[in-house]
C-alpha atoms as a PDB file:
ATOM      1  CA  MET A   1     133.475 140.466 -28.907  1.00  0.00           C
ATOM      2  CA  PRO A   2     135.499 141.577 -31.965  1.00  0.00           C
ATOM      3  CA  VAL A   3     136.222 145.267 -31.377  1.00  0.00           C
ATOM      4  CA  SER A   4     139.690 146.753 -31.928  1.00  0.00           C
ATOM      5  CA  VAL A   5     140.781 150.204 -30.716  1.00  0.00           C
ATOM      6  CA  VAL A   6     143.620 152.242 -32.220  1.00  0.00           C
ATOM      7  CA  VAL A   7     145.147 154.733 -29.779  1.00  0.00           C
ATOM      8  CA  GLY A   8     148.132 157.114 -29.854  1.00  0.00           C
ATOM      9  CA  GLY A   9     150.957 156.638 -27.371  1.00  0.00           C
ATOM     10  CA  GLN A  10     152.613 160.071 -27.507  1.00  0.00           C
ATOM     11  CA  PHE A  11     151.325 163.524 -28.502  1.00  0.00           C
ATOM     12  CA  GLY A  12     149.339 162.687 -31.629  1.00  0.00           C
ATOM     13  CA  SER A  13     150.376 162.374 -35.273  1.00  0.00           C
ATOM     14  CA  GLU A  14     151.769 158.902 -34.581  1.00  0.00           C
ATOM     15  CA  GLY A  15     150.229 157.599 -37.812  1.00  0.00           C
ATOM     16  CA  LYS A  16     146.938 156.282 -36.405  1.00  0.00           C
ATOM     17  CA  GLY A  17     145.058 156.919 -39.643  1.00  0.00           C
ATOM     18  CA  LYS A  18     147.429 154.755 -41.653  1.00  0.00           C
ATOM     19  CA  VAL A  19     147.410 152.063 -38.983  1.00  0.00           C
ATOM     20  CA  SER A  20     143.597 152.102 -38.724  1.00  0.00           C
ATOM     21  CA  TYR A  21     143.320 151.706 -42.482  1.00  0.00           C
ATOM     22  CA  TYR A  22     145.801 148.820 -42.442  1.00  0.00           C
ATOM     23  CA  PHE A  23     144.066 146.898 -39.662  1.00  0.00           C
ATOM     24  CA  ALA A  24     140.581 147.619 -41.007  1.00  0.00           C
ATOM     25  CA  ARG A  25     141.520 145.685 -44.123  1.00  0.00           C
ATOM     26  CA  ARG A  26     143.684 143.094 -42.378  1.00  0.00           C
ATOM     27  CA  LEU A  27     140.938 142.217 -39.874  1.00  0.00           C
ATOM     28  CA  GLY A  28     138.145 142.383 -42.444  1.00  0.00           C
ATOM     29  CA  VAL A  29     136.101 144.799 -40.364  1.00  0.00           C
ATOM     30  CA  LYS A  30     132.478 145.616 -41.064  1.00  0.00           C
ATOM     31  CA  ALA A  31     132.722 149.183 -39.724  1.00  0.00           C
ATOM     32  CA  VAL A  32     135.224 151.792 -38.547  1.00  0.00           C
ATOM     33  CA  VAL A  33     134.212 154.347 -35.913  1.00  0.00           C
ATOM     34  CA  ARG A  34     135.966 157.735 -35.724  1.00  0.00           C
ATOM     35  CA  VAL A  35     135.651 159.516 -32.386  1.00  0.00           C
ATOM     36  CA  GLY A  36     136.575 163.069 -31.413  1.00  0.00           C
ATOM     37  CA  GLY A  37     136.415 166.391 -33.209  1.00  0.00           C
ATOM     38  CA  ALA A  38     137.953 168.269 -36.110  1.00  0.00           C
ATOM     39  CA  ASN A  39     141.084 169.220 -34.191  1.00  0.00           C
ATOM     40  CA  SER A  40     143.272 166.495 -35.678  1.00  0.00           C
ATOM     41  CA  GLY A  41     143.858 165.117 -39.146  1.00  0.00           C
ATOM     42  CA  HIS A  42     144.453 161.508 -40.153  1.00  0.00           C
ATOM     43  CA  THR A  43     146.306 160.873 -43.409  1.00  0.00           C
ATOM     44  CA  ILE A  44     146.122 157.827 -45.656  1.00  0.00           C
ATOM     45  CA  VAL A  45     147.670 156.961 -49.002  1.00  0.00           C
ATOM     46  CA  SER A  46     145.455 154.762 -51.191  1.00  0.00           C
ATOM     47  CA  GLU A  47     146.731 151.877 -53.304  1.00  0.00           C
ATOM     48  CA  ASN A  48     146.781 154.125 -56.370  1.00  0.00           C
ATOM     49  CA  GLY A  49     149.050 156.591 -54.540  1.00  0.00           C
ATOM     50  CA  ARG A  50     146.498 159.311 -53.817  1.00  0.00           C
ATOM     51  CA  GLU A  51     146.861 160.958 -50.408  1.00  0.00           C
ATOM     52  CA  TYR A  52     143.827 161.833 -48.292  1.00  0.00           C
ATOM     53  CA  THR A  53     143.650 163.730 -45.000  1.00  0.00           C
ATOM     54  CA  PHE A  54     140.448 163.460 -42.973  1.00  0.00           C
ATOM     55  CA  ARG A  55     139.582 165.474 -39.870  1.00  0.00           C
ATOM     56  CA  THR A  56     136.166 163.863 -39.324  1.00  0.00           C
ATOM     57  CA  LEU A  57     135.756 160.701 -41.386  1.00  0.00           C
ATOM     58  CA  PRO A  58     137.709 157.532 -40.612  1.00  0.00           C
ATOM     59  CA  THR A  59     140.479 156.862 -43.114  1.00  0.00           C
ATOM     60  CA  SER A  60     138.554 153.785 -44.264  1.00  0.00           C
ATOM     61  CA  ALA A  61     136.052 156.141 -45.926  1.00  0.00           C
ATOM     62  CA  ILE A  62     137.916 155.463 -49.167  1.00  0.00           C
ATOM     63  CA  GLU A  63     137.057 151.760 -48.939  1.00  0.00           C
ATOM     64  CA  PRO A  64     133.649 151.012 -50.531  1.00  0.00           C
ATOM     65  CA  SER A  65     133.195 147.812 -48.510  1.00  0.00           C
ATOM     66  CA  ILE A  66     133.602 149.385 -45.055  1.00  0.00           C
ATOM     67  CA  MET A  67     130.915 151.296 -43.153  1.00  0.00           C
ATOM     68  CA  CYS A  68     131.992 154.527 -41.449  1.00  0.00           C
ATOM     69  CA  ILE A  69     130.365 155.583 -38.183  1.00  0.00           C
ATOM     70  CA  LEU A  70     130.417 158.921 -36.344  1.00  0.00           C
ATOM     71  CA  PRO A  71     128.992 158.072 -32.913  1.00  0.00           C
ATOM     72  CA  SER A  72     127.243 160.177 -30.293  1.00  0.00           C
ATOM     73  CA  GLY A  73     130.607 161.140 -28.796  1.00  0.00           C
ATOM     74  CA  SER A  74     131.595 162.958 -32.011  1.00  0.00           C
ATOM     75  CA  TYR A  75     132.002 166.697 -32.582  1.00  0.00           C
ATOM     76  CA  ILE A  76     131.289 167.540 -36.219  1.00  0.00           C
ATOM     77  CA  ASN A  77     132.044 170.655 -38.232  1.00  0.00           C
ATOM     78  CA  PRO A  78     129.464 170.380 -41.057  1.00  0.00           C
ATOM     79  CA  GLU A  79     131.594 172.263 -43.573  1.00  0.00           C
ATOM     80  CA  ILE A  80     134.555 169.959 -43.023  1.00  0.00           C
ATOM     81  CA  LEU A  81     132.390 166.837 -43.148  1.00  0.00           C
ATOM     82  CA  ARG A  82     130.661 167.903 -46.370  1.00  0.00           C
ATOM     83  CA  SER A  83     134.055 168.449 -47.971  1.00  0.00           C
ATOM     84  CA  GLU A  84     135.316 165.040 -46.837  1.00  0.00           C
ATOM     85  CA  ILE A  85     132.181 163.279 -48.093  1.00  0.00           C
ATOM     86  CA  SER A  86     132.846 164.822 -51.504  1.00  0.00           C
ATOM     87  CA  ILE A  87     136.574 164.088 -51.503  1.00  0.00           C
ATOM     88  CA  SER A  88     136.247 160.501 -50.306  1.00  0.00           C
ATOM     89  CA  GLY A  89     133.319 159.649 -52.555  1.00  0.00           C
ATOM     90  CA  ILE A  90     131.775 157.659 -49.714  1.00  0.00           C
ATOM     91  CA  ALA A  91     128.367 156.208 -50.564  1.00  0.00           C
ATOM     92  CA  SER A  92     125.486 157.522 -48.466  1.00  0.00           C
ATOM     93  CA  GLU A  93     124.662 154.029 -47.210  1.00  0.00           C
ATOM     94  CA  ASN A  94     128.213 153.678 -45.874  1.00  0.00           C
ATOM     95  CA  LEU A  95     128.101 156.744 -43.618  1.00  0.00           C
ATOM     96  CA  LYS A  96     126.175 156.585 -40.345  1.00  0.00           C
ATOM     97  CA  ILE A  97     125.945 159.576 -37.989  1.00  0.00           C
ATOM     98  CA  ASP A  98     124.432 159.362 -34.541  1.00  0.00           C
ATOM     99  CA  PRO A  99     121.632 161.915 -33.958  1.00  0.00           C
ATOM    100  CA  ASP A 100     123.288 163.001 -30.691  1.00  0.00           C
ATOM    101  CA  ALA A 101     126.685 163.888 -32.178  1.00  0.00           C
ATOM    102  CA  VAL A 102     127.386 167.567 -31.462  1.00  0.00           C
ATOM    103  CA  ILE A 103     127.685 170.153 -34.235  1.00  0.00           C
ATOM    104  CA  ILE A 104     130.631 172.591 -34.176  1.00  0.00           C
ATOM    105  CA  ASP A 105     129.455 175.947 -35.518  1.00  0.00           C
ATOM    106  CA  GLN A 106     131.416 179.043 -36.477  1.00  0.00           C
ATOM    107  CA  SER A 107     130.715 180.731 -33.147  1.00  0.00           C
ATOM    108  CA  MET A 108     132.649 177.954 -31.392  1.00  0.00           C
ATOM    109  CA  VAL A 109     135.594 178.330 -33.740  1.00  0.00           C
ATOM    110  CA  SER A 110     135.528 182.108 -33.287  1.00  0.00           C
ATOM    111  CA  ALA A 111     135.380 181.768 -29.483  1.00  0.00           C
ATOM    112  CA  GLU A 112     138.596 179.714 -29.461  1.00  0.00           C
ATOM    113  CA  GLN A 113     140.275 182.170 -31.817  1.00  0.00           C
ATOM    114  CA  GLN A 114     139.238 185.140 -29.669  1.00  0.00           C
ATOM    115  CA  ALA A 115     140.555 183.363 -26.572  1.00  0.00           C
ATOM    116  CA  ASN A 116     143.929 183.139 -28.348  1.00  0.00           C
ATOM    117  CA  LEU A 117     144.222 179.456 -27.479  1.00  0.00           C
ATOM    118  CA  ARG A 118     146.767 178.823 -30.227  1.00  0.00           C
ATOM    119  CA  ASP A 119     149.332 181.050 -28.533  1.00  0.00           C
ATOM    120  CA  LYS A 120     148.337 180.016 -25.005  1.00  0.00           C
ATOM    121  CA  ILE A 121     148.390 176.215 -25.327  1.00  0.00           C
ATOM    122  CA  GLY A 122     149.057 175.411 -28.984  1.00  0.00           C
ATOM    123  CA  SER A 123     145.385 174.758 -29.768  1.00  0.00           C
ATOM    124  CA  THR A 124     144.309 174.166 -33.373  1.00  0.00           C
ATOM    125  CA  GLU A 125     141.309 176.431 -32.619  1.00  0.00           C
ATOM    126  CA  SER A 126     138.921 174.050 -34.363  1.00  0.00           C
ATOM    127  CA  GLY A 127     136.039 174.828 -31.972  1.00  0.00           C
ATOM    128  CA  THR A 128     136.078 171.301 -30.552  1.00  0.00           C
ATOM    129  CA  GLY A 129     136.978 172.421 -27.028  1.00  0.00           C
ATOM    130  CA  ILE A 130     134.169 174.987 -26.887  1.00  0.00           C
ATOM    131  CA  ALA A 131     131.749 172.373 -28.222  1.00  0.00           C
ATOM    132  CA  VAL A 132     132.766 170.014 -25.408  1.00  0.00           C
ATOM    133  CA  ILE A 133     132.321 172.798 -22.839  1.00  0.00           C
ATOM    134  CA  LYS A 134     128.877 173.693 -24.158  1.00  0.00           C
ATOM    135  CA  ARG A 135     127.804 170.067 -24.131  1.00  0.00           C
ATOM    136  CA  ILE A 136     128.787 169.415 -20.516  1.00  0.00           C
ATOM    137  CA  SER A 137     127.358 172.763 -19.357  1.00  0.00           C
ATOM    138  CA  ARG A 138     123.969 171.801 -20.889  1.00  0.00           C
ATOM    139  CA  ASP A 139     124.031 174.974 -22.937  1.00  0.00           C
ATOM    140  CA  ASN A 140     120.796 175.736 -24.792  1.00  0.00           C
ATOM    141  CA  GLY A 141     122.869 176.768 -27.824  1.00  0.00           C
ATOM    142  CA  VAL A 142     124.128 173.249 -28.521  1.00  0.00           C
ATOM    143  CA  TYR A 143     122.975 171.733 -31.822  1.00  0.00           C
ATOM    144  CA  PHE A 144     123.113 168.089 -32.712  1.00  0.00           C
ATOM    145  CA  ALA A 145     123.474 166.143 -35.930  1.00  0.00           C
ATOM    146  CA  LYS A 146     119.738 165.466 -35.873  1.00  0.00           C
ATOM    147  CA  ASP A 147     119.207 169.257 -36.150  1.00  0.00           C
ATOM    148  CA  CYS A 148     121.270 169.483 -39.365  1.00  0.00           C
ATOM    149  CA  ASP A 149     119.106 168.944 -42.462  1.00  0.00           C
ATOM    150  CA  ASP A 150     122.082 167.967 -44.638  1.00  0.00           C
ATOM    151  CA  PHE A 151     122.797 164.993 -42.405  1.00  0.00           C
ATOM    152  CA  HIS A 152     119.322 163.462 -42.328  1.00  0.00           C
ATOM    153  CA  PRO A 153     120.191 160.758 -44.912  1.00  0.00           C
ATOM    154  CA  TYR A 154     122.949 159.538 -42.606  1.00  0.00           C
ATOM    155  CA  ILE A 155     121.235 159.758 -39.207  1.00  0.00           C
ATOM    156  CA  THR A 156     121.183 156.387 -37.455  1.00  0.00           C
ATOM    157  CA  ASN A 157     121.066 155.124 -33.893  1.00  0.00           C
ATOM    158  CA  THR A 158     124.691 154.055 -34.035  1.00  0.00           C
ATOM    159  CA  LYS A 159     124.598 152.206 -30.714  1.00  0.00           C
ATOM    160  CA  GLU A 160     121.889 149.889 -32.022  1.00  0.00           C
ATOM    161  CA  LEU A 161     123.717 149.536 -35.333  1.00  0.00           C
ATOM    162  CA  MET A 162     127.040 148.594 -33.732  1.00  0.00           C
ATOM    163  CA  ARG A 163     125.400 146.139 -31.351  1.00  0.00           C
ATOM    164  CA  SER A 164     123.695 144.492 -34.322  1.00  0.00           C
ATOM    165  CA  ILE A 165     127.020 144.253 -36.171  1.00  0.00           C
ATOM    166  CA  LEU A 166     128.640 142.557 -33.180  1.00  0.00           C
ATOM    167  CA  GLU A 167     125.730 140.178 -32.677  1.00  0.00           C
ATOM    168  CA  HIS A 168     126.186 139.099 -36.296  1.00  0.00           C
ATOM    169  CA  LYS A 169     129.907 138.493 -35.660  1.00  0.00           C
ATOM    170  CA  GLY A 170     131.075 141.559 -37.556  1.00  0.00           C
ATOM    171  CA  HIS A 171     134.334 143.223 -36.494  1.00  0.00           C
ATOM    172  CA  ILE A 172     134.386 146.936 -35.556  1.00  0.00           C
ATOM    173  CA  LEU A 173     137.498 149.107 -35.372  1.00  0.00           C
ATOM    174  CA  ILE A 174     137.589 152.354 -33.366  1.00  0.00           C
ATOM    175  CA  GLU A 175     139.930 154.974 -34.828  1.00  0.00           C
ATOM    176  CA  GLY A 176     141.020 157.040 -31.854  1.00  0.00           C
ATOM    177  CA  THR A 177     142.337 160.574 -32.208  1.00  0.00           C
ATOM    178  CA  GLN A 178     145.369 162.507 -30.899  1.00  0.00           C
ATOM    179  CA  GLY A 179     147.643 160.850 -28.325  1.00  0.00           C
ATOM    180  CA  PHE A 180     147.949 159.823 -24.695  1.00  0.00           C
ATOM    181  CA  GLY A 181     150.205 162.800 -23.912  1.00  0.00           C
ATOM    182  CA  LEU A 182     147.315 165.151 -24.727  1.00  0.00           C
ATOM    183  CA  SER A 183     144.854 163.659 -22.231  1.00  0.00           C
ATOM    184  CA  PRO A 184     143.536 166.310 -19.802  1.00  0.00           C
ATOM    185  CA  ILE A 185     143.048 163.558 -17.210  1.00  0.00           C
ATOM    186  CA  HIS A 186     145.957 161.121 -17.418  1.00  0.00           C
ATOM    187  CA  SER A 187     148.860 162.759 -19.260  1.00  0.00           C
ATOM    188  CA  GLY A 188     150.123 165.032 -16.479  1.00  0.00           C
ATOM    189  CA  PHE A 189     150.603 167.878 -18.972  1.00  0.00           C
ATOM    190  CA  TYR A 190     147.526 169.937 -18.073  1.00  0.00           C
ATOM    191  CA  PRO A 191     146.784 172.638 -19.272  1.00  0.00           C
ATOM    192  CA  TYR A 192     148.840 171.788 -22.376  1.00  0.00           C
ATOM    193  CA  CYS A 193     146.382 169.170 -23.499  1.00  0.00           C
ATOM    194  CA  THR A 194     143.269 168.648 -25.560  1.00  0.00           C
ATOM    195  CA  SER A 195     139.636 168.889 -24.431  1.00  0.00           C
ATOM    196  CA  ARG A 196     138.821 165.164 -24.273  1.00  0.00           C
ATOM    197  CA  ASP A 197     140.481 162.145 -22.748  1.00  0.00           C
ATOM    198  CA  THR A 198     142.628 160.331 -25.300  1.00  0.00           C
ATOM    199  CA  THR A 199     142.786 156.809 -23.916  1.00  0.00           C
ATOM    200  CA  ALA A 200     141.291 153.605 -25.266  1.00  0.00           C
ATOM    201  CA  ALA A 201     138.767 153.464 -22.419  1.00  0.00           C
ATOM    202  CA  SER A 202     137.391 156.906 -23.279  1.00  0.00           C
ATOM    203  CA  PHE A 203     137.257 156.162 -26.996  1.00  0.00           C
ATOM    204  CA  ILE A 204     135.167 153.087 -26.211  1.00  0.00           C
ATOM    205  CA  ALA A 205     132.858 155.159 -24.010  1.00  0.00           C
ATOM    206  CA  GLU A 206     132.371 157.767 -26.741  1.00  0.00           C
ATOM    207  CA  THR A 207     131.125 155.099 -29.130  1.00  0.00           C
ATOM    208  CA  GLY A 208     128.556 153.605 -26.762  1.00  0.00           C
ATOM    209  CA  LEU A 209     130.221 150.192 -26.778  1.00  0.00           C
ATOM    210  CA  SER A 210     131.153 148.185 -23.696  1.00  0.00           C
ATOM    211  CA  PRO A 211     134.639 147.397 -22.351  1.00  0.00           C
ATOM    212  CA  PHE A 212     133.597 143.739 -22.585  1.00  0.00           C
ATOM    213  CA  ASP A 213     133.439 144.131 -26.381  1.00  0.00           C
ATOM    214  CA  ILE A 214     137.154 144.846 -26.759  1.00  0.00           C
ATOM    215  CA  GLU A 215     139.461 142.277 -28.313  1.00  0.00           C
ATOM    216  CA  ASN A 216     142.465 144.390 -29.346  1.00  0.00           C
ATOM    217  CA  VAL A 217     144.061 147.635 -28.201  1.00  0.00           C
ATOM    218  CA  ILE A 218     146.567 148.792 -30.811  1.00  0.00           C
ATOM    219  CA  LEU A 219     148.995 151.445 -29.534  1.00  0.00           C
ATOM    220  CA  VAL A 220     150.700 153.548 -32.196  1.00  0.00           C
ATOM    221  CA  ILE A 221     153.982 155.338 -31.477  1.00  0.00           C
ATOM    222  CA  ARG A 222     156.674 157.009 -33.566  1.00  0.00           C
ATOM    223  CA  THR A 223     160.481 157.107 -33.446  1.00  0.00           C
ATOM    224  CA  PHE A 224     160.570 160.909 -33.160  1.00  0.00           C
ATOM    225  CA  PRO A 225     157.506 162.195 -31.246  1.00  0.00           C
ATOM    226  CA  ILE A 226     156.023 165.569 -32.140  1.00  0.00           C
ATOM    227  CA  ARG A 227     153.900 168.305 -30.633  1.00  0.00           C
ATOM    228  CA  VAL A 228     152.108 171.063 -32.492  1.00  0.00           C
ATOM    229  CA  SER A 229     153.943 174.340 -32.963  1.00  0.00           C
ATOM    230  CA  GLY A 230     154.095 177.168 -30.466  1.00  0.00           C
ATOM    231  CA  ASN A 231     153.536 177.052 -26.717  1.00  0.00           C
ATOM    232  CA  SER A 232     152.117 173.527 -26.780  1.00  0.00           C
ATOM    233  CA  GLY A 233     153.736 172.156 -23.657  1.00  0.00           C
ATOM    234  CA  PRO A 234     156.750 170.099 -22.523  1.00  0.00           C
ATOM    235  CA  LEU A 235     158.560 167.929 -25.077  1.00  0.00           C
ATOM    236  CA  LEU A 236     161.493 166.004 -23.600  1.00  0.00           C
ATOM    237  CA  ASN A 237     164.606 165.660 -25.789  1.00  0.00           C
ATOM    238  CA  GLU A 238     163.347 168.311 -28.212  1.00  0.00           C
ATOM    239  CA  THR A 239     165.440 168.695 -31.354  1.00  0.00           C
ATOM    240  CA  ASP A 240     164.825 170.132 -34.817  1.00  0.00           C
ATOM    241  CA  TRP A 241     163.961 168.816 -38.255  1.00  0.00           C
ATOM    242  CA  GLU A 242     167.357 169.669 -39.723  1.00  0.00           C
ATOM    243  CA  LYS A 243     169.012 167.309 -37.246  1.00  0.00           C
ATOM    244  CA  VAL A 244     166.411 164.566 -37.799  1.00  0.00           C
ATOM    245  CA  THR A 245     166.911 164.827 -41.553  1.00  0.00           C
ATOM    246  CA  ARG A 246     170.701 164.740 -41.205  1.00  0.00           C
ATOM    247  CA  MET A 247     170.687 161.775 -38.792  1.00  0.00           C
ATOM    248  CA  SER A 248     168.412 159.769 -41.104  1.00  0.00           C
ATOM    249  CA  GLY A 249     170.566 160.362 -44.173  1.00  0.00           C
ATOM    250  CA  ALA A 250     167.481 161.526 -46.047  1.00  0.00           C
ATOM    251  CA  VAL A 251     167.960 163.352 -49.341  1.00  0.00           C
ATOM    252  CA  VAL A 252     164.682 165.201 -48.769  1.00  0.00           C
ATOM    253  CA  ASP A 253     163.629 167.610 -46.027  1.00  0.00           C
ATOM    254  CA  LEU A 254     161.683 165.630 -43.379  1.00  0.00           C
ATOM    255  CA  THR A 255     160.037 168.706 -41.841  1.00  0.00           C
ATOM    256  CA  GLU A 256     156.438 167.910 -40.916  1.00  0.00           C
ATOM    257  CA  TYR A 257     153.453 170.225 -40.846  1.00  0.00           C
ATOM    258  CA  THR A 258     150.236 169.746 -38.898  1.00  0.00           C
ATOM    259  CA  SER A 259     147.366 168.501 -41.044  1.00  0.00           C
ATOM    260  CA  ALA A 260     144.827 170.719 -39.245  1.00  0.00           C
ATOM    261  CA  THR A 261     146.738 174.044 -39.309  1.00  0.00           C
ATOM    262  CA  ASN A 262     149.680 173.466 -41.694  1.00  0.00           C
ATOM    263  CA  ARG A 263     152.209 174.745 -39.151  1.00  0.00           C
ATOM    264  CA  VAL A 264     155.651 173.221 -38.538  1.00  0.00           C
ATOM    265  CA  ARG A 265     155.527 170.568 -35.847  1.00  0.00           C
ATOM    266  CA  ARG A 266     157.923 170.481 -32.920  1.00  0.00           C
ATOM    267  CA  VAL A 267     159.963 167.280 -32.853  1.00  0.00           C
ATOM    268  CA  ALA A 268     162.010 165.359 -30.287  1.00  0.00           C
ATOM    269  CA  GLU A 269     164.158 162.286 -29.938  1.00  0.00           C
ATOM    270  CA  PHE A 270     162.409 159.212 -28.547  1.00  0.00           C
ATOM    271  CA  ASP A 271     161.232 159.368 -24.931  1.00  0.00           C
ATOM    272  CA  SER A 272     160.336 156.011 -23.404  1.00  0.00           C
ATOM    273  CA  GLU A 273     158.639 157.448 -20.308  1.00  0.00           C
ATOM    274  CA  ILE A 274     155.548 158.863 -22.043  1.00  0.00           C
ATOM    275  CA  VAL A 275     155.110 155.575 -23.923  1.00  0.00           C
ATOM    276  CA  LYS A 276     155.438 153.492 -20.767  1.00  0.00           C
ATOM    277  CA  ARG A 277     152.720 155.584 -19.140  1.00  0.00           C
ATOM    278  CA  ALA A 278     150.535 155.122 -22.218  1.00  0.00           C
ATOM    279  CA  ILE A 279     151.095 151.362 -22.004  1.00  0.00           C
ATOM    280  CA  GLN A 280     150.204 151.358 -18.301  1.00  0.00           C
ATOM    281  CA  VAL A 281     146.865 153.085 -18.924  1.00  0.00           C
ATOM    282  CA  ASN A 282     145.877 151.491 -22.248  1.00  0.00           C
ATOM    283  CA  GLN A 283     147.289 147.954 -21.810  1.00  0.00           C
ATOM    284  CA  PRO A 284     147.780 147.324 -25.560  1.00  0.00           C
ATOM    285  CA  ASN A 285     148.225 143.843 -26.975  1.00  0.00           C
ATOM    286  CA  THR A 286     149.726 145.272 -30.191  1.00  0.00           C
ATOM    287  CA  ILE A 287     152.260 148.084 -30.677  1.00  0.00           C
ATOM    288  CA  VAL A 288     153.060 149.745 -33.987  1.00  0.00           C
ATOM    289  CA  LEU A 289     156.238 151.839 -34.337  1.00  0.00           C
ATOM    290  CA  ASN A 290     156.008 154.354 -37.175  1.00  0.00           C
ATOM    291  CA  HIS A 291     158.619 156.535 -38.886  1.00  0.00           C
ATOM    292  CA  VAL A 292     161.258 153.816 -38.692  1.00  0.00           C
ATOM    293  CA  ASP A 293     162.655 155.342 -41.891  1.00  0.00           C
ATOM    294  CA  TYR A 294     163.601 158.424 -39.842  1.00  0.00           C
ATOM    295  CA  LEU A 295     166.250 156.228 -38.211  1.00  0.00           C
ATOM    296  CA  ASP A 296     167.726 155.359 -41.616  1.00  0.00           C
ATOM    297  CA  TYR A 297     166.060 156.742 -44.730  1.00  0.00           C
ATOM    298  CA  SER A 298     167.412 153.905 -46.861  1.00  0.00           C
ATOM    299  CA  CYS A 299     164.425 151.839 -45.684  1.00  0.00           C
ATOM    300  CA  HIS A 300     161.834 154.479 -46.648  1.00  0.00           C
ATOM    301  CA  ASN A 301     158.761 152.728 -48.084  1.00  0.00           C
ATOM    302  CA  SER A 302     160.627 149.427 -47.916  1.00  0.00           C
ATOM    303  CA  ASP A 303     160.263 146.160 -46.032  1.00  0.00           C
ATOM    304  CA  GLU A 304     164.034 145.656 -46.018  1.00  0.00           C
ATOM    305  CA  ILE A 305     165.247 146.914 -42.654  1.00  0.00           C
ATOM    306  CA  PRO A 306     168.979 147.543 -42.048  1.00  0.00           C
ATOM    307  CA  ASP A 307     170.595 145.807 -39.073  1.00  0.00           C
ATOM    308  CA  SER A 308     171.260 149.173 -37.412  1.00  0.00           C
ATOM    309  CA  VAL A 309     167.540 149.975 -37.531  1.00  0.00           C
ATOM    310  CA  VAL A 310     166.634 146.534 -36.179  1.00  0.00           C
ATOM    311  CA  ALA A 311     168.970 147.262 -33.258  1.00  0.00           C
ATOM    312  CA  SER A 312     167.259 150.626 -32.666  1.00  0.00           C
ATOM    313  CA  ILE A 313     163.815 149.007 -32.735  1.00  0.00           C
ATOM    314  CA  ASN A 314     164.962 146.374 -30.245  1.00  0.00           C
ATOM    315  CA  LYS A 315     166.324 149.106 -27.961  1.00  0.00           C
ATOM    316  CA  ILE A 316     163.027 150.991 -28.083  1.00  0.00           C
ATOM    317  CA  ALA A 317     161.166 147.766 -27.253  1.00  0.00           C
ATOM    318  CA  SER A 318     163.531 147.163 -24.334  1.00  0.00           C
ATOM    319  CA  ASP A 319     163.175 150.731 -23.089  1.00  0.00           C
ATOM    320  CA  ILE A 320     159.361 150.631 -23.100  1.00  0.00           C
ATOM    321  CA  GLY A 321     159.275 147.093 -21.696  1.00  0.00           C
ATOM    322  CA  LYS A 322     157.013 145.701 -24.399  1.00  0.00           C
ATOM    323  CA  GLY A 323     157.437 144.080 -27.801  1.00  0.00           C
ATOM    324  CA  ILE A 324     156.820 145.874 -31.085  1.00  0.00           C
ATOM    325  CA  GLN A 325     154.708 143.825 -33.466  1.00  0.00           C
ATOM    326  CA  TYR A 326     154.482 146.156 -36.486  1.00  0.00           C
ATOM    327  CA  ILE A 327     156.527 148.961 -37.979  1.00  0.00           C
ATOM    328  CA  GLY A 328     155.884 151.697 -40.516  1.00  0.00           C
ATOM    329  CA  THR A 329     158.529 152.876 -42.980  1.00  0.00           C
ATOM    330  CA  GLY A 330     156.528 155.470 -44.885  1.00  0.00           C
ATOM    331  CA  LYS A 331     153.129 157.097 -45.292  1.00  0.00           C
ATOM    332  CA  ALA A 332     151.563 154.009 -46.830  1.00  0.00           C
ATOM    333  CA  LEU A 333     153.497 151.054 -45.456  1.00  0.00           C
ATOM    334  CA  VAL A 334     152.842 149.020 -42.307  1.00  0.00           C
ATOM    335  CA  ILE A 335     154.578 145.665 -42.013  1.00  0.00           C
ATOM    336  CA  PRO A 336     155.112 143.020 -39.320  1.00  0.00           C
ATOM    337  CA  ALA A 337     158.250 143.813 -37.344  1.00  0.00           C
ATOM    338  CA  PHE A 338     161.296 141.841 -38.484  1.00  0.00           C
ATOM    339  CA  GLY A 339     159.236 139.977 -41.074  1.00  0.00           C
ATOM    340  CA  GLU A 340     157.250 138.036 -38.476  1.00  0.00           C
END
C-alpha cells in the first residue's frame, strides 16, 4: 500500500517539514497526515519565497491540491490551529480532523509551566505532555475535537477516510514530529525526552493505519544535530554556533532558534551512534541529510556541491552504514545526493 512515513533520526529539527513537503509533491500524494502535538514546529519555504512555520498542520497545508489530516493520535491547541488555518489559507474541504483527537487547553499549558519542565528537562511547555497523561489516565477533564464547536466543519472519521484513499490507490504521507533521540521508549535518554514515542512504528499507530500499508520510511538527519536550549539532556560532541559558522565559512550568523519557543538551540558535531540506533529501529529505505551547507556555505541553496562536501557526505554514509539518497542545502532545497 502506498504510505510513506517521514521520521527524524536525531533530536528533532532535522528538517522534516521541508522534506515532507518535498516528497508530498514528488510522490503526488493525496493526503498528508501530521501526528503529535504543538511542541514542535515544522518550517517550509514556498515557491514564492514565503516562509511558514506550523506546529499543528502539515507543511503541505499551503498546497491547495493536498488534503491535510489530523488523526485521532493528535493533540491540538485550538488557538494555534485557528491561527495556522488563517495563515495557510487552507480550504475547509482540505482539512480533516478526527473526532477523537485530544484538545490541549490552557490548564494543560499552565500545569507544565508550573511544574517548571523547561528548566528540568528542556520542555517547550506546550501542554502536550499533560494532554497525553490525561488521555492515558482516562481523566474526565479530557476534551476531544468533537467537543470543539469551531472544528465541526472539519470533523471526519479519518481512519475511514484514509482507508478509502488507499483503496482508490491514493498515496498518503505521514509527517512525523521531533526525533528518535527524544523517544521516551527507545532513545535511552529518559527523562530528557518527549511525551510520545518518536519512531515510524508509533507514528503509523497514531494515524490508525496498518504496518502493512507502509511503502517508504524516510529518515531525516542533519550534519550538526541540535537539542533545545537549557537542561535538555546529553548531546555528544557539543559545540557552539560561532564555531559552526566559522567552520562553514558562512558570512551570516548560523545560530538557530527553536520554532516553538524562539530560544537558541544547542548544537553539536555529527554523532553517528544516535543515527545508527535510529536506523536500527526505523529501518528506513531513504535517508535525507540536511544542512549540508553548514559543511561549506558556498553550496547554500545550491545544487553544486564542492568535492570536500561530497567527501564529508560519503564519510557520514560510511559511519552510519547506510547510503544517503537526498541532501538539503538550505531551507527550501532538497536534491538527490550527488545528482543521482
